[in-house]
Amino acid sequence: MKHSEKRDFKFDKRADKYDDHFEGKLSKVFYKLIYDNIELFDSAQVLDVGCGTGTILKTLSERYKIVAHGIDVENEMLKVAKAKCPGMDIQLCSCEATPFADKSLDAVIACMAYHHFPDKGAFEKEVARILKSGAKLYIADPNFPLVLRKIINFLVRNLNGEFFSSKEIAMRFEKSGFKLVTIKKRAYGQLVVLEKL
């Protein structure tokens, strides 16, 4: 994302308090969906897109011997992530044009991030480029009922945010060379797991 582009939230102003406050606590539902359903192996190359303060990468690296990468567009969030995840590859980077080689990653995670991406089509193509064949993509995002989702999308239409149902997310990625593996839901969270063909 270019720094001149409009963002729907200014996370950089809340980075140092994010984990312990309202947003960080709400995120635990999404984290649990990922932790309970992700499949990793030793030395897996794992990318967290919109890694924020690095919570997911830190937790996964404590459970698995992975090679962890994180990208985000908010400098202040990345400062927290780098302090929390020393030795990991944490970079300031757009989700649409990453520095990773073609077919180089074993898993990509986007937790509470996909709805923020201003050009979701570009992200879908980019993640298709960087994931190996057979690798998994994990999209964790809010699960709003249809009417509420339409209202929220109307309200945030000028802020680059847009929310989708699990089936809509799956259909979007299927156009970029993915197949749906599973959909998991818990409370207000949904996890869409897709496999790169």
N, C-alpha and C. Protein backbone atom coordinates (compact mmCIF):
# COMPACT_ATOMS: atom_id res chain seq x y z
N MET A 1 0.84 -1.18 0.00
CA MET A 1 0.00 0.00 0.00
C MET A 1 0.89 1.24 0.00
N LYS A 2 0.61 2.16 -0.88
CA LYS A 2 1.35 3.41 -0.88
C LYS A 2 0.96 4.19 0.37
N HIS A 3 1.92 4.93 0.93
CA HIS A 3 1.65 5.63 2.17
C HIS A 3 0.66 6.78 1.98
N SER A 4 0.45 7.20 0.74
CA SER A 4 -0.51 8.27 0.48
C SER A 4 -1.95 7.76 0.41
N GLU A 5 -2.11 6.43 0.32
CA GLU A 5 -3.45 5.88 0.22
C GLU A 5 -4.20 6.03 1.53
N LYS A 6 -5.50 6.20 1.38
CA LYS A 6 -6.36 6.33 2.56
C LYS A 6 -6.42 5.00 3.30
N ARG A 7 -6.34 5.06 4.61
CA ARG A 7 -6.47 3.84 5.42
C ARG A 7 -7.72 3.96 6.26
N ASP A 8 -8.32 2.80 6.56
CA ASP A 8 -9.57 2.86 7.30
C ASP A 8 -9.37 3.04 8.79
N PHE A 9 -8.19 2.71 9.32
CA PHE A 9 -7.89 2.92 10.73
C PHE A 9 -6.44 3.33 10.84
N LYS A 10 -6.10 4.07 11.88
CA LYS A 10 -4.71 4.47 12.11
C LYS A 10 -4.17 3.65 13.26
N PHE A 11 -3.73 2.44 12.94
CA PHE A 11 -3.24 1.54 13.97
C PHE A 11 -1.93 2.02 14.58
N ASP A 12 -1.16 2.80 13.82
CA ASP A 12 0.14 3.23 14.33
C ASP A 12 0.02 4.05 15.60
N LYS A 13 -1.11 4.75 15.77
CA LYS A 13 -1.29 5.58 16.97
C LYS A 13 -1.67 4.77 18.19
N ARG A 14 -2.03 3.48 17.98
CA ARG A 14 -2.46 2.65 19.10
C ARG A 14 -1.57 1.43 19.29
N ALA A 15 -0.45 1.39 18.59
CA ALA A 15 0.38 0.18 18.55
C ALA A 15 0.85 -0.28 19.92
N ASP A 16 1.32 0.64 20.74
CA ASP A 16 1.90 0.24 22.03
C ASP A 16 0.86 -0.27 23.01
N LYS A 17 -0.42 0.00 22.77
CA LYS A 17 -1.48 -0.43 23.68
C LYS A 17 -2.38 -1.51 23.05
N TYR A 18 -2.14 -1.83 21.79
CA TYR A 18 -3.06 -2.67 21.04
C TYR A 18 -3.34 -4.01 21.71
N ASP A 19 -2.30 -4.74 22.10
CA ASP A 19 -2.48 -6.11 22.61
C ASP A 19 -3.34 -6.18 23.87
N ASP A 20 -3.20 -5.19 24.74
CA ASP A 20 -3.87 -5.25 26.05
C ASP A 20 -5.22 -4.53 26.09
N HIS A 21 -5.57 -3.88 25.02
CA HIS A 21 -6.82 -3.14 25.02
C HIS A 21 -7.90 -3.83 24.19
N PHE A 22 -8.98 -3.14 23.98
CA PHE A 22 -10.20 -3.70 23.38
C PHE A 22 -9.93 -4.48 22.10
N GLU A 23 -9.20 -3.87 21.16
CA GLU A 23 -8.98 -4.53 19.86
C GLU A 23 -8.16 -5.81 20.01
N GLY A 24 -7.14 -5.76 20.84
CA GLY A 24 -6.32 -6.95 21.06
C GLY A 24 -7.11 -8.07 21.69
N LYS A 25 -8.00 -7.73 22.62
CA LYS A 25 -8.82 -8.75 23.27
C LYS A 25 -9.86 -9.34 22.30
N LEU A 26 -10.44 -8.48 21.46
CA LEU A 26 -11.38 -8.97 20.45
C LEU A 26 -10.70 -9.92 19.48
N SER A 27 -9.43 -9.67 19.21
CA SER A 27 -8.68 -10.47 18.23
C SER A 27 -8.44 -11.90 18.70
N LYS A 28 -8.58 -12.17 19.99
CA LYS A 28 -8.27 -13.51 20.50
C LYS A 28 -9.15 -14.59 19.87
N VAL A 29 -10.39 -14.25 19.51
CA VAL A 29 -11.27 -15.21 18.83
C VAL A 29 -10.65 -15.63 17.50
N PHE A 30 -10.10 -14.66 16.77
CA PHE A 30 -9.49 -14.93 15.47
C PHE A 30 -8.18 -15.70 15.63
N TYR A 31 -7.39 -15.32 16.64
CA TYR A 31 -6.14 -16.03 16.91
C TYR A 31 -6.42 -17.51 17.19
N LYS A 32 -7.45 -17.78 18.02
CA LYS A 32 -7.75 -19.16 18.39
C LYS A 32 -8.19 -19.97 17.17
N LEU A 33 -8.96 -19.36 16.29
CA LEU A 33 -9.36 -20.04 15.06
C LEU A 33 -8.12 -20.47 14.27
N ILE A 34 -7.14 -19.60 14.20
CA ILE A 34 -5.91 -19.92 13.47
C ILE A 34 -5.12 -21.00 14.20
N TYR A 35 -4.87 -20.80 15.50
CA TYR A 35 -4.06 -21.76 16.26
C TYR A 35 -4.67 -23.16 16.24
N ASP A 36 -6.00 -23.24 16.30
CA ASP A 36 -6.67 -24.54 16.35
C ASP A 36 -6.73 -25.25 15.00
N ASN A 37 -6.53 -24.53 13.91
CA ASN A 37 -6.75 -25.11 12.59
C ASN A 37 -5.55 -25.07 11.65
N ILE A 38 -4.50 -24.37 12.03
CA ILE A 38 -3.35 -24.27 11.13
C ILE A 38 -2.55 -25.56 11.14
N GLU A 39 -2.03 -25.91 9.97
CA GLU A 39 -1.19 -27.10 9.83
C GLU A 39 0.19 -26.65 9.38
N LEU A 40 1.19 -26.88 10.23
CA LEU A 40 2.56 -26.47 9.94
C LEU A 40 3.52 -27.62 10.19
N PHE A 41 4.73 -27.48 9.66
CA PHE A 41 5.77 -28.47 9.87
C PHE A 41 7.08 -27.74 10.12
N ASP A 42 8.06 -28.46 10.63
CA ASP A 42 9.36 -27.86 10.92
C ASP A 42 9.96 -27.25 9.67
N SER A 43 10.51 -26.08 9.82
CA SER A 43 11.17 -25.30 8.76
C SER A 43 10.19 -24.70 7.75
N ALA A 44 8.89 -24.76 8.02
CA ALA A 44 7.91 -24.14 7.13
C ALA A 44 8.15 -22.64 7.04
N GLN A 45 8.05 -22.12 5.83
CA GLN A 45 8.16 -20.68 5.58
C GLN A 45 6.76 -20.09 5.72
N VAL A 46 6.55 -19.29 6.77
CA VAL A 46 5.22 -18.79 7.12
C VAL A 46 5.21 -17.26 7.08
N LEU A 47 4.24 -16.70 6.37
CA LEU A 47 4.09 -15.25 6.28
C LEU A 47 2.78 -14.83 6.92
N ASP A 48 2.86 -13.84 7.82
CA ASP A 48 1.68 -13.20 8.39
C ASP A 48 1.54 -11.83 7.72
N VAL A 49 0.50 -11.67 6.91
CA VAL A 49 0.26 -10.43 6.18
C VAL A 49 -0.61 -9.53 7.04
N GLY A 50 -0.11 -8.32 7.32
CA GLY A 50 -0.78 -7.46 8.29
C GLY A 50 -0.50 -7.98 9.68
N CYS A 51 0.78 -8.26 9.94
CA CYS A 51 1.17 -8.96 11.18
C CYS A 51 0.98 -8.13 12.44
N GLY A 52 0.74 -6.82 12.30
CA GLY A 52 0.51 -6.00 13.48
C GLY A 52 1.64 -6.09 14.48
N THR A 53 1.30 -6.42 15.71
CA THR A 53 2.30 -6.46 16.79
C THR A 53 3.03 -7.80 16.89
N GLY A 54 2.78 -8.72 15.96
CA GLY A 54 3.54 -9.96 15.92
C GLY A 54 3.04 -11.08 16.81
N THR A 55 1.85 -10.93 17.38
CA THR A 55 1.33 -11.93 18.33
C THR A 55 1.24 -13.32 17.70
N ILE A 56 0.69 -13.41 16.50
CA ILE A 56 0.51 -14.72 15.86
C ILE A 56 1.86 -15.37 15.57
N LEU A 57 2.79 -14.61 15.01
CA LEU A 57 4.11 -15.17 14.69
C LEU A 57 4.82 -15.64 15.94
N LYS A 58 4.73 -14.88 17.01
CA LYS A 58 5.39 -15.26 18.27
C LYS A 58 4.80 -16.58 18.78
N THR A 59 3.48 -16.68 18.80
CA THR A 59 2.82 -17.89 19.30
C THR A 59 3.14 -19.10 18.43
N LEU A 60 3.05 -18.93 17.12
CA LEU A 60 3.33 -20.06 16.23
C LEU A 60 4.79 -20.50 16.33
N SER A 61 5.71 -19.55 16.50
CA SER A 61 7.13 -19.91 16.59
C SER A 61 7.44 -20.62 17.91
N GLU A 62 6.58 -20.44 18.91
CA GLU A 62 6.75 -21.17 20.17
C GLU A 62 6.21 -22.60 20.05
N ARG A 63 5.31 -22.83 19.11
CA ARG A 63 4.69 -24.15 18.93
C ARG A 63 5.35 -24.98 17.83
N TYR A 64 5.91 -24.30 16.85
CA TYR A 64 6.51 -24.97 15.69
C TYR A 64 7.87 -24.34 15.39
N LYS A 65 8.75 -25.12 14.77
CA LYS A 65 10.07 -24.59 14.36
C LYS A 65 9.95 -24.04 12.95
N ILE A 66 9.29 -22.88 12.84
CA ILE A 66 9.03 -22.28 11.53
C ILE A 66 10.04 -21.18 11.22
N VAL A 67 10.09 -20.83 9.95
CA VAL A 67 10.81 -19.63 9.51
C VAL A 67 9.73 -18.57 9.33
N ALA A 68 9.71 -17.60 10.24
CA ALA A 68 8.59 -16.66 10.33
C ALA A 68 8.89 -15.34 9.63
N HIS A 69 7.91 -14.88 8.86
CA HIS A 69 7.98 -13.60 8.17
C HIS A 69 6.71 -12.81 8.50
N GLY A 70 6.84 -11.51 8.65
CA GLY A 70 5.68 -10.66 8.87
C GLY A 70 5.81 -9.38 8.09
N ILE A 71 4.69 -8.94 7.51
CA ILE A 71 4.67 -7.64 6.83
C ILE A 71 3.48 -6.83 7.32
N ASP A 72 3.66 -5.52 7.30
CA ASP A 72 2.59 -4.60 7.68
C ASP A 72 2.92 -3.25 7.07
N VAL A 73 1.94 -2.36 7.03
CA VAL A 73 2.15 -1.02 6.50
C VAL A 73 2.25 0.03 7.60
N GLU A 74 2.15 -0.40 8.86
CA GLU A 74 2.19 0.55 9.98
C GLU A 74 3.52 0.41 10.73
N ASN A 75 4.33 1.45 10.65
CA ASN A 75 5.65 1.44 11.28
C ASN A 75 5.61 1.17 12.77
N GLU A 76 4.68 1.81 13.47
CA GLU A 76 4.63 1.67 14.94
C GLU A 76 4.25 0.25 15.35
N MET A 77 3.35 -0.37 14.60
CA MET A 77 3.00 -1.77 14.88
C MET A 77 4.22 -2.66 14.67
N LEU A 78 4.97 -2.37 13.62
CA LEU A 78 6.15 -3.17 13.32
C LEU A 78 7.24 -3.02 14.38
N LYS A 79 7.35 -1.85 14.99
CA LYS A 79 8.32 -1.66 16.08
C LYS A 79 8.00 -2.60 17.23
N VAL A 80 6.71 -2.71 17.55
CA VAL A 80 6.28 -3.62 18.61
C VAL A 80 6.56 -5.07 18.20
N ALA A 81 6.24 -5.40 16.94
CA ALA A 81 6.45 -6.76 16.45
C ALA A 81 7.93 -7.15 16.47
N LYS A 82 8.79 -6.24 16.08
CA LYS A 82 10.23 -6.54 16.06
C LYS A 82 10.77 -6.75 17.47
N ALA A 83 10.25 -5.99 18.43
CA ALA A 83 10.67 -6.17 19.83
C ALA A 83 10.15 -7.50 20.38
N LYS A 84 8.94 -7.88 19.98
CA LYS A 84 8.31 -9.11 20.47
C LYS A 84 8.89 -10.35 19.78
N CYS A 85 9.35 -10.19 18.54
CA CYS A 85 9.79 -11.32 17.73
C CYS A 85 11.22 -11.11 17.23
N PRO A 86 12.20 -11.02 18.14
CA PRO A 86 13.57 -10.78 17.69
C PRO A 86 14.08 -11.92 16.80
N GLY A 87 14.80 -11.55 15.77
CA GLY A 87 15.35 -12.55 14.87
C GLY A 87 14.41 -12.96 13.75
N MET A 88 13.16 -12.54 13.81
CA MET A 88 12.23 -12.85 12.73
C MET A 88 12.33 -11.80 11.64
N ASP A 89 11.90 -12.18 10.44
CA ASP A 89 11.90 -11.29 9.28
C ASP A 89 10.61 -10.46 9.31
N ILE A 90 10.71 -9.25 9.84
CA ILE A 90 9.55 -8.35 9.96
C ILE A 90 9.83 -7.13 9.08
N GLN A 91 8.94 -6.87 8.12
CA GLN A 91 9.21 -5.81 7.14
C GLN A 91 8.03 -4.87 6.94
N LEU A 92 8.35 -3.62 6.65
CA LEU A 92 7.36 -2.65 6.20
C LEU A 92 7.08 -2.92 4.73
N CYS A 93 5.86 -3.30 4.42
CA CYS A 93 5.60 -3.76 3.05
C CYS A 93 4.10 -3.81 2.79
N SER A 94 3.71 -3.54 1.57
CA SER A 94 2.34 -3.68 1.11
C SER A 94 2.00 -5.15 0.90
N CYS A 95 0.73 -5.48 1.02
CA CYS A 95 0.29 -6.86 0.76
C CYS A 95 0.21 -7.15 -0.73
N GLU A 96 0.31 -6.11 -1.52
CA GLU A 96 0.09 -6.25 -2.96
C GLU A 96 1.37 -6.51 -3.75
N ALA A 97 2.52 -6.19 -3.16
CA ALA A 97 3.81 -6.35 -3.85
C ALA A 97 4.86 -6.71 -2.80
N THR A 98 4.98 -7.99 -2.51
CA THR A 98 5.87 -8.45 -1.45
C THR A 98 7.25 -8.80 -2.02
N PRO A 99 8.27 -8.91 -1.16
CA PRO A 99 9.61 -9.23 -1.63
C PRO A 99 9.89 -10.73 -1.76
N PHE A 100 8.87 -11.55 -1.63
CA PHE A 100 9.09 -13.00 -1.62
C PHE A 100 9.11 -13.58 -3.03
N ALA A 101 9.93 -14.60 -3.21
CA ALA A 101 10.07 -15.23 -4.52
C ALA A 101 8.82 -16.03 -4.87
N ASP A 102 8.65 -16.29 -6.15
CA ASP A 102 7.54 -17.12 -6.62
C ASP A 102 7.59 -18.49 -5.93
N LYS A 103 6.44 -18.97 -5.50
CA LYS A 103 6.29 -20.31 -4.91
C LYS A 103 7.32 -20.59 -3.82
N SER A 104 7.48 -19.64 -2.90
CA SER A 104 8.50 -19.78 -1.85
C SER A 104 7.94 -20.01 -0.46
N LEU A 105 6.63 -19.86 -0.27
CA LEU A 105 6.05 -19.93 1.07
C LEU A 105 5.15 -21.15 1.25
N ASP A 106 5.16 -21.68 2.49
CA ASP A 106 4.36 -22.86 2.83
C ASP A 106 3.02 -22.51 3.46
N ALA A 107 2.90 -21.31 4.00
CA ALA A 107 1.63 -20.88 4.60
C ALA A 107 1.60 -19.36 4.64
N VAL A 108 0.43 -18.81 4.35
CA VAL A 108 0.21 -17.36 4.48
C VAL A 108 -1.03 -17.17 5.35
N ILE A 109 -0.92 -16.23 6.28
CA ILE A 109 -2.01 -15.90 7.20
C ILE A 109 -2.38 -14.44 7.00
N ALA A 110 -3.67 -14.16 6.99
CA ALA A 110 -4.16 -12.78 7.03
C ALA A 110 -5.25 -12.75 8.10
N CYS A 111 -4.90 -12.30 9.28
CA CYS A 111 -5.82 -12.30 10.43
C CYS A 111 -6.30 -10.89 10.71
N MET A 112 -7.58 -10.67 10.59
CA MET A 112 -8.18 -9.36 10.81
C MET A 112 -7.51 -8.31 9.92
N ALA A 113 -7.16 -8.73 8.73
CA ALA A 113 -6.45 -7.84 7.81
C ALA A 113 -7.11 -7.74 6.44
N TYR A 114 -7.66 -8.85 5.95
CA TYR A 114 -8.17 -8.90 4.59
C TYR A 114 -9.17 -7.79 4.31
N HIS A 115 -10.07 -7.52 5.25
CA HIS A 115 -11.08 -6.49 5.01
C HIS A 115 -10.48 -5.08 4.91
N HIS A 116 -9.25 -4.90 5.40
CA HIS A 116 -8.58 -3.60 5.31
C HIS A 116 -7.91 -3.37 3.96
N PHE A 117 -7.56 -4.45 3.24
CA PHE A 117 -6.75 -4.30 2.03
C PHE A 117 -7.49 -3.48 0.98
N PRO A 118 -6.88 -2.40 0.49
CA PRO A 118 -7.57 -1.53 -0.47
C PRO A 118 -7.74 -2.16 -1.85
N ASP A 119 -6.82 -3.05 -2.24
CA ASP A 119 -6.93 -3.73 -3.53
C ASP A 119 -6.86 -5.24 -3.28
N LYS A 120 -8.00 -5.80 -2.95
CA LYS A 120 -8.05 -7.21 -2.60
C LYS A 120 -7.67 -8.10 -3.78
N GLY A 121 -8.03 -7.68 -4.99
CA GLY A 121 -7.67 -8.45 -6.18
C GLY A 121 -6.16 -8.57 -6.34
N ALA A 122 -5.45 -7.48 -6.08
CA ALA A 122 -3.99 -7.50 -6.18
C ALA A 122 -3.39 -8.42 -5.12
N PHE A 123 -3.96 -8.40 -3.91
CA PHE A 123 -3.48 -9.30 -2.87
C PHE A 123 -3.73 -10.75 -3.26
N GLU A 124 -4.90 -11.04 -3.80
CA GLU A 124 -5.23 -12.40 -4.19
C GLU A 124 -4.23 -12.93 -5.22
N LYS A 125 -3.85 -12.10 -6.18
CA LYS A 125 -2.86 -12.50 -7.19
C LYS A 125 -1.48 -12.65 -6.59
N GLU A 126 -1.14 -11.76 -5.67
CA GLU A 126 0.19 -11.81 -5.05
C GLU A 126 0.36 -13.06 -4.20
N VAL A 127 -0.64 -13.40 -3.42
CA VAL A 127 -0.53 -14.57 -2.56
C VAL A 127 -0.52 -15.85 -3.40
N ALA A 128 -1.21 -15.83 -4.53
CA ALA A 128 -1.14 -16.97 -5.45
C ALA A 128 0.27 -17.11 -6.02
N ARG A 129 0.95 -16.00 -6.21
CA ARG A 129 2.31 -16.03 -6.75
C ARG A 129 3.31 -16.60 -5.75
N ILE A 130 3.21 -16.20 -4.49
CA ILE A 130 4.26 -16.52 -3.51
C ILE A 130 4.05 -17.86 -2.79
N LEU A 131 2.85 -18.41 -2.84
CA LEU A 131 2.61 -19.70 -2.18
C LEU A 131 3.00 -20.86 -3.08
N LYS A 132 3.58 -21.88 -2.48
CA LYS A 132 3.88 -23.12 -3.20
C LYS A 132 2.58 -23.84 -3.55
N SER A 133 2.64 -24.69 -4.56
CA SER A 133 1.50 -25.54 -4.87
C SER A 133 1.23 -26.46 -3.69
N GLY A 134 -0.02 -26.54 -3.26
CA GLY A 134 -0.38 -27.36 -2.10
C GLY A 134 -0.28 -26.64 -0.78
N ALA A 135 0.27 -25.42 -0.79
CA ALA A 135 0.40 -24.64 0.45
C ALA A 135 -0.95 -24.03 0.82
N LYS A 136 -1.06 -23.65 2.09
CA LYS A 136 -2.34 -23.17 2.60
C LYS A 136 -2.35 -21.66 2.86
N LEU A 137 -3.53 -21.10 2.66
CA LEU A 137 -3.81 -19.70 2.97
C LEU A 137 -4.90 -19.68 4.03
N TYR A 138 -4.68 -18.90 5.08
CA TYR A 138 -5.62 -18.80 6.20
C TYR A 138 -6.12 -17.37 6.30
N ILE A 139 -7.40 -17.16 6.03
CA ILE A 139 -8.01 -15.83 6.11
C ILE A 139 -8.97 -15.83 7.29
N ALA A 140 -8.63 -15.09 8.34
CA ALA A 140 -9.51 -14.94 9.50
C ALA A 140 -10.05 -13.52 9.52
N ASP A 141 -11.36 -13.40 9.49
CA ASP A 141 -12.00 -12.08 9.41
C ASP A 141 -13.34 -12.14 10.15
N PRO A 142 -13.94 -10.98 10.40
CA PRO A 142 -15.23 -10.98 11.11
C PRO A 142 -16.32 -11.71 10.33
N ASN A 143 -17.21 -12.33 11.07
CA ASN A 143 -18.34 -13.07 10.52
C ASN A 143 -19.61 -12.31 10.87
N PHE A 144 -20.03 -11.44 9.97
CA PHE A 144 -21.24 -10.64 10.20
C PHE A 144 -22.41 -11.23 9.43
N PRO A 145 -23.62 -11.23 10.03
CA PRO A 145 -24.81 -11.64 9.27
C PRO A 145 -24.99 -10.71 8.07
N LEU A 146 -25.66 -11.21 7.04
CA LEU A 146 -25.78 -10.50 5.77
C LEU A 146 -26.24 -9.05 5.92
N VAL A 147 -27.33 -8.82 6.64
CA VAL A 147 -27.87 -7.46 6.74
C VAL A 147 -26.87 -6.54 7.44
N LEU A 148 -26.28 -7.02 8.53
CA LEU A 148 -25.30 -6.20 9.25
C LEU A 148 -24.08 -5.94 8.37
N ARG A 149 -23.65 -6.96 7.62
CA ARG A 149 -22.49 -6.80 6.74
C ARG A 149 -22.75 -5.72 5.69
N LYS A 150 -23.95 -5.72 5.13
CA LYS A 150 -24.30 -4.71 4.12
C LYS A 150 -24.31 -3.31 4.72
N ILE A 151 -24.81 -3.18 5.94
CA ILE A 151 -24.83 -1.87 6.61
C ILE A 151 -23.41 -1.39 6.89
N ILE A 152 -22.59 -2.28 7.43
CA ILE A 152 -21.21 -1.91 7.75
C ILE A 152 -20.45 -1.55 6.48
N ASN A 153 -20.61 -2.34 5.43
CA ASN A 153 -19.92 -2.04 4.17
C ASN A 153 -20.36 -0.70 3.59
N PHE A 154 -21.63 -0.36 3.76
CA PHE A 154 -22.11 0.95 3.30
C PHE A 154 -21.44 2.07 4.11
N LEU A 155 -21.34 1.86 5.41
CA LEU A 155 -20.76 2.89 6.28
C LEU A 155 -19.27 3.08 6.07
N VAL A 156 -18.55 2.00 5.70
CA VAL A 156 -17.10 2.10 5.56
C VAL A 156 -16.66 2.20 4.09
N ARG A 157 -17.61 2.44 3.18
CA ARG A 157 -17.29 2.42 1.75
C ARG A 157 -16.23 3.45 1.37
N ASN A 158 -16.10 4.53 2.11
CA ASN A 158 -15.08 5.54 1.80
C ASN A 158 -13.80 5.35 2.59
N LEU A 159 -13.69 4.26 3.33
CA LEU A 159 -12.53 4.05 4.21
C LEU A 159 -11.70 2.84 3.79
N ASN A 160 -11.92 2.32 2.59
CA ASN A 160 -11.17 1.17 2.07
C ASN A 160 -11.51 -0.14 2.75
N GLY A 161 -12.45 -0.17 3.67
CA GLY A 161 -12.81 -1.43 4.32
C GLY A 161 -13.97 -2.09 3.60
N GLU A 162 -13.95 -3.42 3.54
CA GLU A 162 -15.07 -4.16 2.97
C GLU A 162 -15.05 -5.58 3.52
N PHE A 163 -16.19 -6.03 4.03
CA PHE A 163 -16.29 -7.34 4.66
C PHE A 163 -17.04 -8.30 3.74
N PHE A 164 -16.63 -9.58 3.80
CA PHE A 164 -17.23 -10.61 2.96
C PHE A 164 -17.64 -11.80 3.81
N SER A 165 -18.58 -12.59 3.29
CA SER A 165 -18.91 -13.87 3.91
C SER A 165 -17.81 -14.87 3.58
N SER A 166 -17.80 -15.99 4.29
CA SER A 166 -16.82 -17.04 4.03
C SER A 166 -16.91 -17.52 2.59
N LYS A 167 -18.12 -17.72 2.09
CA LYS A 167 -18.29 -18.21 0.72
C LYS A 167 -17.81 -17.18 -0.29
N GLU A 168 -18.05 -15.91 -0.03
CA GLU A 168 -17.57 -14.86 -0.94
C GLU A 168 -16.04 -14.83 -0.97
N ILE A 169 -15.41 -14.99 0.19
CA ILE A 169 -13.95 -15.02 0.25
C ILE A 169 -13.43 -16.20 -0.56
N ALA A 170 -14.02 -17.36 -0.36
CA ALA A 170 -13.59 -18.56 -1.08
C ALA A 170 -13.73 -18.37 -2.59
N MET A 171 -14.84 -17.81 -3.03
CA MET A 171 -15.08 -17.61 -4.46
C MET A 171 -14.05 -16.65 -5.05
N ARG A 172 -13.70 -15.60 -4.31
CA ARG A 172 -12.71 -14.65 -4.81
C ARG A 172 -11.36 -15.34 -5.04
N PHE A 173 -10.94 -16.16 -4.09
CA PHE A 173 -9.64 -16.80 -4.21
C PHE A 173 -9.64 -17.95 -5.21
N GLU A 174 -10.79 -18.58 -5.40
CA GLU A 174 -10.87 -19.65 -6.40
C GLU A 174 -10.55 -19.11 -7.80
N LYS A 175 -10.85 -17.85 -8.04
CA LYS A 175 -10.54 -17.21 -9.33
C LYS A 175 -9.03 -17.02 -9.50
N SER A 176 -8.29 -17.05 -8.38
CA SER A 176 -6.84 -16.85 -8.44
C SER A 176 -6.06 -18.15 -8.27
N GLY A 177 -6.74 -19.28 -8.40
CA GLY A 177 -6.02 -20.56 -8.37
C GLY A 177 -5.98 -21.25 -7.03
N PHE A 178 -7.01 -21.07 -6.22
CA PHE A 178 -7.11 -21.74 -4.92
C PHE A 178 -8.35 -22.62 -4.90
N LYS A 179 -8.32 -23.63 -4.01
CA LYS A 179 -9.54 -24.40 -3.73
C LYS A 179 -9.83 -24.31 -2.24
N LEU A 180 -11.10 -24.32 -1.92
CA LEU A 180 -11.52 -24.24 -0.52
C LEU A 180 -11.23 -25.55 0.19
N VAL A 181 -10.61 -25.47 1.37
CA VAL A 181 -10.35 -26.64 2.20
C VAL A 181 -11.41 -26.75 3.27
N THR A 182 -11.62 -25.67 4.02
CA THR A 182 -12.62 -25.70 5.09
C THR A 182 -12.97 -24.29 5.52
N ILE A 183 -14.11 -24.18 6.16
CA ILE A 183 -14.56 -22.93 6.79
C ILE A 183 -14.86 -23.24 8.23
N LYS A 184 -14.30 -22.46 9.14
CA LYS A 184 -14.57 -22.63 10.57
C LYS A 184 -15.11 -21.31 11.10
N LYS A 185 -16.08 -21.42 12.02
CA LYS A 185 -16.67 -20.21 12.61
C LYS A 185 -16.72 -20.34 14.12
N ARG A 186 -16.50 -19.23 14.79
CA ARG A 186 -16.60 -19.18 16.24
C ARG A 186 -17.00 -17.77 16.63
N ALA A 187 -18.11 -17.66 17.35
CA ALA A 187 -18.62 -16.35 17.79
C ALA A 187 -18.69 -15.41 16.59
N TYR A 188 -17.99 -14.30 16.64
CA TYR A 188 -18.02 -13.30 15.56
C TYR A 188 -16.86 -13.47 14.58
N GLY A 189 -16.19 -14.62 14.64
CA GLY A 189 -15.04 -14.85 13.77
C GLY A 189 -15.28 -15.96 12.76
N GLN A 190 -14.60 -15.88 11.63
CA GLN A 190 -14.64 -16.93 10.62
C GLN A 190 -13.23 -17.14 10.09
N LEU A 191 -12.93 -18.38 9.78
CA LEU A 191 -11.63 -18.73 9.20
C LEU A 191 -11.89 -19.48 7.90
N VAL A 192 -11.32 -18.97 6.82
CA VAL A 192 -11.44 -19.62 5.52
C VAL A 192 -10.05 -20.18 5.19
N VAL A 193 -9.96 -21.50 5.03
CA VAL A 193 -8.70 -22.15 4.71
C VAL A 193 -8.75 -22.56 3.25
N LEU A 194 -7.75 -22.11 2.49
CA LEU A 194 -7.69 -22.38 1.06
C LEU A 194 -6.35 -23.01 0.71
N GLU A 195 -6.34 -23.81 -0.34
CA GLU A 195 -5.12 -24.46 -0.79
C GLU A 195 -4.76 -23.97 -2.18
N LYS A 196 -3.48 -23.62 -2.36
CA LYS A 196 -3.00 -23.19 -3.68
C LYS A 196 -2.89 -24.41 -4.59
N LEU A 197 -3.49 -24.32 -5.75
CA LEU A 197 -3.46 -25.43 -6.69
C LEU A 197 -2.14 -25.47 -7.46
